[in-house]
Structures are given as structure tokens and as C-alpha cells.
Amino acid sequence: MAPSVQLSNGMQMPLLGLGCWQADDGKDVAVAVEAALLAGYRHIDTAYFYANEADVGRGIKAAIATGKVKRSDIFVTTKLPPIGMRPERVEKYLRKSLKALDLDYIDLYLVHHPVGFEEVDENDNMPLENPGTDKEKVKFDFSTDLIAIWKKMENMVELGLAKTIGISNFNPRQMRKIMAIAKIPPTVNQVECHVYFQQKELREACKQHNIAVTAYGPLGSPGRKLFYEKQGKTIELPDLLRNPVVRLVSDKHKRSAAQVLLRFITQEGIIVIPKSTNESRIKQNGDIFSFELDEVDRQALRSLDQGVAGTIFKFAEIFPGYEEHPECFF
């Protein structure tokens, strides 16, 4: 069983979770979630934007049906989608997530992104202008009001629909904006974080506000090539798993490169949510608390940080026109 982090509201959040982004084959998602829970994971991360919450819910239900895990054992995270970034839409999208997951409450509900999209259709998570042309861009909602949205997020806790609330992809300035008005402060900020982009400034800001950090893409998100190929695009991604320093540390501990990368992040006190639908890799990724990296290992891995230059999730490429939005992360 994975150790946990105590959130600012007293809740315990497991350090290791199963990430479900890009897991879009329904059967594979359900099987992966069930396999993870039966392998000892107690934290599942999904989102309305991923369009797989119903499959995640089936996996949770299947694991509970074995009698080896209870709902109260499982920490479930999902997220308010960019098309839900209006105060009047927050409750609607949370209830839609609850219905899809077949759950009575969410343990952690995050604002998925500080940037809002226009709501053209509830099933169109990324509405586009001029699709398929060189002028293609996302239909952004430029009136995004983070303070008004946060007040509605607090109401979700008051209604008992979410145990706690947080943010994702928020920079220090946006965090300060929320903290200045929050009656119920965010307990978590989920951001890209890995050895090439260690988010030191943002982590320090989170520490000052007693906000836990969850790292997505802790292995460098190698599956993102497929995401781009589905959009007719090709990209080159850095291969964290083959980095010479990572390989040296993995050879020293007789562990996989993935295990080393995940252990490094968790020893920094950061929650990790590696994605996989492969049962053997799920089990391997879960076996990271039976060894420890020493200070020499950790310093070597810290030296791989490239700052902002190391980011892999380039929002302006994922969401064309992103840099025009006033809440653009960078």
C-alpha cells in the first residue's frame, strides 16, 4: 500500500495514483483501474476532459465487487473541464462526472485548467474555429473569472459532492489570486512535473500556501505521440527513460528507469499519477516504495532539471491560440 500525504484539510491522499489521460479504450480503462486497485493502488485520477469517466467507474465497481477494496479506501480525483469554466456550470459538470463514475461523491475535484473554452456542446471538450486549416484554433472563453469559479467550487464541498477541492495547471500568480479570497483553500495543485521540468518555483509557492503538488507526466508522457498522431501531427518527445543518468541510477538499484523516475518524484514529497493500461507495468510502477534513492542519486537526478525549457506539455501546441488567453499559464 502506498504511503500518503496529509492535505491541509486533514485528508490523506495516496502518494501514488493511476493516471487515466489518453486511456480512451473503454475496456482497457476499466481493466486497468480494476488491476491497479487490486495491486494496491488507492488513488485514481481521471477528468471529464478525458471522456473515460464511465469506464473508470466500471473499473472501480469491479474492484469493489471482489470484496478486496471498499469505496472508502479509494481516493478518486476528477476535474472541471475547460468548457465548464463558468460559475453556473460548475455544479452541472460535477454532477455529470458523478453520474458517469457512478459515485456519490468525489474525493478531490480540481479546476482542470485556468483557461476556459466556449461551451458549444457538452460532449465537445475542445471546440475549434476553422478546424483542419492553418487557422485552426480553440474557441476560448476570454471572460474566465477564476474567483467566481472558485466560490462555486467551495459550494461543491458544502453540498457534499466533493470532499476537497484543488487546482491544476495554475501558476503562482493564479494561486495567490485564489488564496486571497478562499474560504476553503485549494489542497492540491496538479501540474506537469518530472526530472526535466522540476517546477521548483511553483513547488515553493505551493509550500508557502500549504498546497500539495501532484505530478502528471512523471515519466515524460511517452504516449503523447499517439495523441498528436490522432490529430494528424507528429512531435518529438525527450526520452526520460533512456537518459544516461537515469539508467545509471536504475542499474545501481536494479530497478526500472520508470521506477527510479517515480521514486525520485515521491521522495521529493510530490504525488505521482503515472498512466498505464498494461497490467505488468501498473504493478511495476506501484512497486516504488520498497527501495530508496540516496542523496547522491537524488542530486544527480535534480541536476537534470531544465526549468521551463524542459516542459513537454506545450499548451500553445495542444490548444492553438492558447497564448492569447489572459490566464495563459506562462
Protein backbone atom coordinates (compact mmCIF):
# COMPACT_ATOMS: atom_id res chain seq x y z
CA MET A 1 0.00 0.00 0.00
CA ALA A 2 1.35 3.42 -0.96
CA PRO A 3 2.13 5.97 1.75
CA SER A 4 0.08 9.14 1.73
CA VAL A 5 0.36 12.90 2.05
CA GLN A 6 -1.74 14.76 4.60
CA LEU A 7 -3.60 17.57 2.88
CA SER A 8 -4.23 20.94 4.53
CA ASN A 9 -7.79 19.88 5.43
CA GLY A 10 -6.54 16.74 7.20
CA MET A 11 -7.42 14.24 4.45
CA GLN A 12 -4.88 11.60 3.47
CA MET A 13 -4.04 11.47 -0.25
CA PRO A 14 -2.03 8.46 -1.53
CA LEU A 15 1.37 9.40 -2.98
CA LEU A 16 0.81 7.05 -5.91
CA GLY A 17 -2.18 7.07 -8.22
CA LEU A 18 -3.17 5.70 -11.61
CA GLY A 19 -3.43 8.41 -14.24
CA CYS A 20 -6.13 7.88 -16.89
CA TRP A 21 -5.39 10.56 -19.52
CA GLN A 22 -5.06 9.10 -23.05
CA ALA A 23 -6.63 5.87 -21.79
CA ASP A 24 -9.55 6.01 -24.19
CA ASP A 25 -10.31 2.36 -24.95
CA GLY A 26 -13.23 1.67 -22.63
CA LYS A 27 -12.46 -1.97 -21.90
CA ASP A 28 -8.75 -1.27 -21.33
CA VAL A 29 -9.52 1.61 -18.96
CA ALA A 30 -11.91 -0.44 -16.81
CA VAL A 31 -9.48 -3.39 -16.69
CA ALA A 32 -6.55 -1.10 -15.83
CA VAL A 33 -8.42 0.62 -12.98
CA GLU A 34 -9.52 -2.70 -11.52
CA ALA A 35 -6.00 -4.13 -11.87
CA ALA A 36 -4.46 -1.08 -10.19
CA LEU A 37 -6.83 -1.23 -7.24
CA LEU A 38 -6.27 -4.96 -6.77
CA ALA A 39 -2.50 -4.36 -7.00
CA GLY A 40 -2.65 -1.95 -4.06
CA TYR A 41 -3.24 1.44 -5.67
CA ARG A 42 -5.75 3.52 -3.73
CA HIS A 43 -5.80 6.66 -5.88
CA ILE A 44 -7.39 7.01 -9.32
CA ASP A 45 -7.08 10.22 -11.38
CA THR A 46 -9.45 11.00 -14.24
CA ALA A 47 -11.25 14.02 -15.72
CA TYR A 48 -14.37 14.96 -17.67
CA PHE A 49 -11.99 16.12 -20.44
CA TYR A 50 -10.62 12.56 -20.79
CA ALA A 51 -14.07 11.24 -21.80
CA ASN A 52 -13.47 7.98 -19.92
CA GLU A 53 -15.12 8.52 -16.53
CA ALA A 54 -17.79 5.87 -17.14
CA ASP A 55 -15.09 3.28 -17.86
CA VAL A 56 -13.12 4.38 -14.77
CA GLY A 57 -16.32 3.95 -12.76
CA ARG A 58 -16.78 0.41 -14.11
CA GLY A 59 -13.25 -0.47 -13.06
CA ILE A 60 -13.84 0.90 -9.55
CA LYS A 61 -17.10 -1.03 -9.26
CA ALA A 62 -15.44 -4.25 -10.46
CA ALA A 63 -12.66 -3.91 -7.87
CA ILE A 64 -15.16 -3.25 -5.08
CA ALA A 65 -17.20 -6.30 -6.21
CA THR A 66 -14.21 -8.57 -5.41
CA GLY A 67 -14.57 -7.65 -1.74
CA LYS A 68 -10.86 -6.73 -1.56
CA VAL A 69 -11.39 -2.97 -1.56
CA LYS A 70 -14.12 -0.61 -0.32
CA ARG A 71 -15.21 2.75 -1.76
CA SER A 72 -13.94 4.44 1.39
CA ASP A 73 -10.45 3.05 0.65
CA ILE A 74 -10.27 4.74 -2.76
CA PHE A 75 -9.23 8.34 -3.40
CA VAL A 76 -10.89 9.48 -6.64
CA THR A 77 -9.87 12.68 -8.42
CA THR A 78 -11.70 14.21 -11.36
CA LYS A 79 -11.78 17.69 -12.86
CA LEU A 80 -13.96 20.57 -14.02
CA PRO A 81 -13.44 20.78 -17.81
CA PRO A 82 -12.43 23.99 -19.62
CA ILE A 83 -15.92 24.12 -21.22
CA GLY A 84 -17.32 24.23 -17.66
CA MET A 85 -15.36 27.32 -16.66
CA ARG A 86 -18.36 29.49 -15.85
CA PRO A 87 -19.76 29.68 -12.28
CA GLU A 88 -23.20 28.50 -13.40
CA ARG A 89 -21.69 25.36 -14.99
CA VAL A 90 -19.56 24.05 -12.10
CA GLU A 91 -22.25 22.01 -10.36
CA LYS A 92 -23.63 20.71 -13.66
CA TYR A 93 -20.30 19.24 -14.73
CA LEU A 94 -19.51 17.80 -11.31
CA ARG A 95 -22.88 16.04 -11.27
CA LYS A 96 -22.22 14.74 -14.80
CA SER A 97 -18.90 13.32 -13.60
CA LEU A 98 -20.54 11.72 -10.57
CA LYS A 99 -23.18 10.13 -12.78
CA ALA A 100 -20.58 8.79 -15.24
CA LEU A 101 -18.39 7.43 -12.42
CA ASP A 102 -21.47 6.09 -10.61
CA LEU A 103 -20.26 7.62 -7.34
CA ASP A 104 -21.98 9.65 -4.61
CA TYR A 105 -19.02 11.97 -4.05
CA ILE A 106 -15.57 12.85 -5.42
CA ASP A 107 -12.61 12.86 -3.04
CA LEU A 108 -10.81 15.65 -4.92
CA TYR A 109 -12.37 17.94 -7.53
CA LEU A 110 -9.91 20.06 -9.47
CA VAL A 111 -10.27 23.06 -11.76
CA HIS A 112 -8.58 21.34 -14.72
CA HIS A 113 -7.15 24.50 -16.24
CA PRO A 114 -7.31 28.23 -15.52
CA VAL A 115 -8.21 28.81 -19.18
CA GLY A 116 -11.87 28.44 -20.19
CA PHE A 117 -13.32 27.26 -23.51
CA GLU A 118 -16.67 28.14 -25.03
CA GLU A 119 -19.37 25.57 -24.35
CA VAL A 120 -20.61 24.65 -27.84
CA ASP A 121 -21.71 21.15 -26.87
CA GLU A 122 -21.36 19.25 -23.57
CA ASN A 123 -19.64 16.42 -25.44
CA ASP A 124 -17.22 18.65 -27.35
CA ASN A 125 -14.34 19.19 -24.95
CA MET A 126 -12.24 21.16 -27.43
CA PRO A 127 -14.44 23.31 -29.71
CA LEU A 128 -12.47 24.61 -32.68
CA GLU A 129 -12.60 27.54 -35.07
CA ASN A 130 -11.57 26.80 -38.66
CA PRO A 131 -10.88 23.10 -37.96
CA GLY A 132 -8.47 21.36 -40.32
CA THR A 133 -6.96 24.60 -41.63
CA ASP A 134 -3.79 26.52 -40.82
CA LYS A 135 -6.04 28.98 -38.95
CA GLU A 136 -7.41 26.31 -36.60
CA LYS A 137 -7.68 27.46 -33.01
CA VAL A 138 -9.65 26.64 -29.89
CA LYS A 139 -12.80 28.64 -29.18
CA PHE A 140 -11.68 30.22 -25.92
CA ASP A 141 -13.90 31.90 -23.38
CA PHE A 142 -11.93 35.07 -22.68
CA SER A 143 -14.19 36.04 -19.77
CA THR A 144 -12.85 33.31 -17.44
CA ASP A 145 -13.32 34.53 -13.84
CA LEU A 146 -11.22 32.36 -11.53
CA ILE A 147 -12.56 33.97 -8.35
CA ALA A 148 -16.21 33.40 -9.26
CA ILE A 149 -15.44 29.83 -10.27
CA TRP A 150 -13.59 29.15 -7.03
CA LYS A 151 -16.54 30.33 -4.95
CA LYS A 152 -18.70 27.77 -6.80
CA MET A 153 -16.04 25.10 -6.21
CA GLU A 154 -16.32 25.80 -2.47
CA ASN A 155 -20.05 25.29 -2.76
CA MET A 156 -19.40 21.75 -4.09
CA VAL A 157 -17.76 20.88 -0.77
CA GLU A 158 -20.62 22.48 1.16
CA LEU A 159 -23.08 20.35 -0.85
CA GLY A 160 -21.14 17.18 -0.03
CA LEU A 161 -20.40 16.43 -3.69
CA ALA A 162 -16.63 16.76 -3.19
CA LYS A 163 -14.57 16.05 -0.07
CA THR A 164 -11.92 18.58 -1.05
CA ILE A 165 -11.11 20.87 -3.98
CA GLY A 166 -8.00 21.96 -5.80
CA ILE A 167 -6.48 23.37 -8.95
CA SER A 168 -4.46 22.15 -11.91
CA ASN A 169 -2.05 23.98 -14.22
CA PHE A 170 -2.24 27.12 -12.06
CA ASN A 171 0.85 29.33 -11.81
CA PRO A 172 1.92 31.12 -8.60
CA ARG A 173 0.08 34.34 -9.54
CA GLN A 174 -3.18 32.45 -10.09
CA MET A 175 -2.69 30.55 -6.83
CA ARG A 176 -2.28 33.81 -4.92
CA LYS A 177 -5.46 35.14 -6.52
CA ILE A 178 -7.42 32.14 -5.22
CA MET A 179 -5.78 32.11 -1.78
CA ALA A 180 -6.65 35.78 -1.27
CA ILE A 181 -10.40 35.07 -1.36
CA ALA A 182 -10.71 31.40 -0.45
CA LYS A 183 -12.91 30.28 2.44
CA ILE A 184 -11.95 26.71 1.50
CA PRO A 185 -8.40 26.88 0.13
CA PRO A 186 -7.18 24.53 -2.60
CA THR A 187 -5.46 21.48 -1.12
CA VAL A 188 -3.70 20.34 -4.32
CA ASN A 189 -2.19 21.81 -7.49
CA GLN A 190 -1.72 19.20 -10.25
CA VAL A 191 0.96 20.20 -12.74
CA GLU A 192 3.47 18.76 -15.20
CA CYS A 193 6.50 17.69 -13.18
CA HIS A 194 9.39 15.33 -14.00
CA VAL A 195 13.20 15.30 -13.92
CA TYR A 196 13.48 17.67 -16.91
CA PHE A 197 10.91 20.14 -15.53
CA GLN A 198 11.02 20.01 -11.74
CA GLN A 199 8.83 23.09 -11.12
CA LYS A 200 11.00 24.40 -8.27
CA GLU A 201 9.49 27.90 -8.18
CA LEU A 202 5.92 26.63 -8.30
CA ARG A 203 6.62 23.96 -5.66
CA GLU A 204 8.00 26.60 -3.34
CA ALA A 205 4.86 28.72 -3.85
CA CYS A 206 2.69 25.68 -3.11
CA LYS A 207 4.69 25.01 0.05
CA GLN A 208 4.12 28.59 1.24
CA HIS A 209 0.36 28.10 0.81
CA ASN A 210 0.30 24.54 2.21
CA ILE A 211 -0.85 23.15 -1.14
CA ALA A 212 0.25 19.61 -2.08
CA VAL A 213 1.65 19.03 -5.57
CA THR A 214 0.59 16.21 -7.89
CA ALA A 215 2.87 15.48 -10.84
CA TYR A 216 1.36 14.47 -14.15
CA GLY A 217 3.67 13.21 -16.89
CA PRO A 218 6.26 11.99 -14.33
CA LEU A 219 7.71 9.60 -16.95
CA GLY A 220 7.69 12.23 -19.70
CA SER A 221 4.32 11.10 -21.10
CA PRO A 222 5.76 8.89 -23.88
CA GLY A 223 2.22 8.02 -25.04
CA ARG A 224 1.58 11.59 -26.16
CA LYS A 225 2.95 10.83 -29.63
CA LEU A 226 -0.22 8.83 -30.27
CA PHE A 227 -2.35 11.76 -29.04
CA TYR A 228 -0.76 14.02 -31.64
CA GLU A 229 -0.90 11.41 -34.39
CA LYS A 230 -4.68 11.22 -33.91
CA GLN A 231 -4.73 14.95 -34.73
CA GLY A 232 -2.57 14.40 -37.81
CA LYS A 233 0.52 15.85 -36.13
CA THR A 234 3.95 14.45 -35.37
CA ILE A 235 6.17 15.51 -32.47
CA GLU A 236 9.48 14.51 -30.97
CA LEU A 237 9.49 13.94 -27.23
CA PRO A 238 12.53 13.65 -24.96
CA ASP A 239 13.06 10.08 -23.72
CA LEU A 240 13.43 10.37 -19.95
CA LEU A 241 13.55 6.60 -19.61
CA ARG A 242 16.77 6.40 -21.66
CA ASN A 243 18.58 9.31 -20.04
CA PRO A 244 22.12 8.12 -19.11
CA VAL A 245 21.88 9.43 -15.54
CA VAL A 246 18.51 7.75 -15.02
CA ARG A 247 19.91 4.50 -16.45
CA LEU A 248 22.94 4.64 -14.12
CA VAL A 249 20.70 5.05 -11.07
CA SER A 250 18.36 2.28 -12.25
CA ASP A 251 21.30 -0.10 -12.78
CA LYS A 252 22.64 0.74 -9.32
CA HIS A 253 19.34 -0.16 -7.64
CA LYS A 254 18.42 -2.97 -10.08
CA ARG A 255 15.13 -1.19 -10.79
CA SER A 256 13.50 0.00 -13.99
CA ALA A 257 14.07 3.55 -15.21
CA ALA A 258 10.37 4.23 -14.65
CA GLN A 259 10.60 3.11 -11.03
CA VAL A 260 13.58 5.42 -10.48
CA LEU A 261 11.79 8.41 -12.01
CA LEU A 262 8.68 7.80 -9.89
CA ARG A 263 10.66 7.18 -6.71
CA PHE A 264 12.61 10.39 -7.24
CA ILE A 265 9.42 12.45 -7.50
CA THR A 266 7.77 10.81 -4.48
CA GLN A 267 10.91 11.27 -2.36
CA GLU A 268 10.60 14.97 -3.16
CA GLY A 269 7.20 14.81 -1.43
CA ILE A 270 5.23 15.01 -4.67
CA ILE A 271 2.23 12.82 -5.56
CA VAL A 272 2.60 10.91 -8.85
CA ILE A 273 -0.05 9.60 -11.25
CA PRO A 274 1.69 7.56 -13.98
CA LYS A 275 -0.64 6.38 -16.72
CA SER A 276 -0.68 2.81 -18.00
CA THR A 277 -3.23 0.28 -19.20
CA ASN A 278 -0.65 -2.53 -19.13
CA GLU A 279 -1.16 -4.69 -16.03
CA SER A 280 2.51 -5.66 -15.61
CA ARG A 281 3.63 -2.02 -15.90
CA ILE A 282 0.91 -0.95 -13.47
CA LYS A 283 2.30 -3.43 -10.93
CA GLN A 284 5.89 -2.39 -11.62
CA ASN A 285 5.06 1.32 -11.29
CA GLY A 286 3.34 0.50 -8.00
CA ASP A 287 6.46 -1.15 -6.56
CA ILE A 288 8.41 2.01 -5.79
CA PHE A 289 8.28 2.14 -2.01
CA SER A 290 10.44 -0.93 -1.35
CA PHE A 291 13.67 0.98 -2.12
CA GLU A 292 15.09 4.45 -1.53
CA LEU A 293 17.35 6.70 -3.53
CA ASP A 294 20.29 8.09 -1.58
CA GLU A 295 21.33 11.73 -1.62
CA VAL A 296 23.92 11.14 -4.37
CA ASP A 297 21.18 9.66 -6.59
CA ARG A 298 18.81 12.49 -5.84
CA GLN A 299 21.35 15.22 -6.51
CA ALA A 300 22.27 13.59 -9.83
CA LEU A 301 18.60 13.49 -10.83
CA ARG A 302 18.00 17.06 -9.64
CA SER A 303 20.81 18.18 -11.95
CA LEU A 304 18.70 17.10 -14.96
CA ASP A 305 16.25 19.97 -14.41
CA GLN A 306 16.00 22.27 -17.43
CA GLY A 307 13.43 24.65 -15.98
CA VAL A 308 10.72 25.89 -18.35
CA ALA A 309 12.81 24.68 -21.31
CA GLY A 310 12.17 21.13 -20.12
CA THR A 311 8.39 21.31 -20.38
CA ILE A 312 6.82 18.61 -22.54
CA PHE A 313 3.17 19.71 -22.39
CA LYS A 314 3.29 22.78 -24.61
CA PHE A 315 -0.21 24.20 -24.21
CA ALA A 316 0.10 26.50 -27.22
CA GLU A 317 0.54 23.38 -29.38
CA ILE A 318 -2.17 21.37 -27.65
CA PHE A 319 -4.64 24.28 -27.62
CA PRO A 320 -3.97 26.52 -30.66
CA GLY A 321 -4.44 30.18 -29.74
CA TYR A 322 -3.77 29.46 -26.04
CA GLU A 323 -1.23 32.25 -25.60
CA GLU A 324 -3.96 34.83 -26.39
CA HIS A 325 -5.95 33.95 -23.25
CA PRO A 326 -5.35 36.25 -20.26
CA GLU A 327 -4.96 33.22 -17.94
CA CYS A 328 -2.28 31.57 -20.13
CA PHE A 329 -0.01 29.59 -17.72
CA PHE A 330 3.28 31.07 -18.90
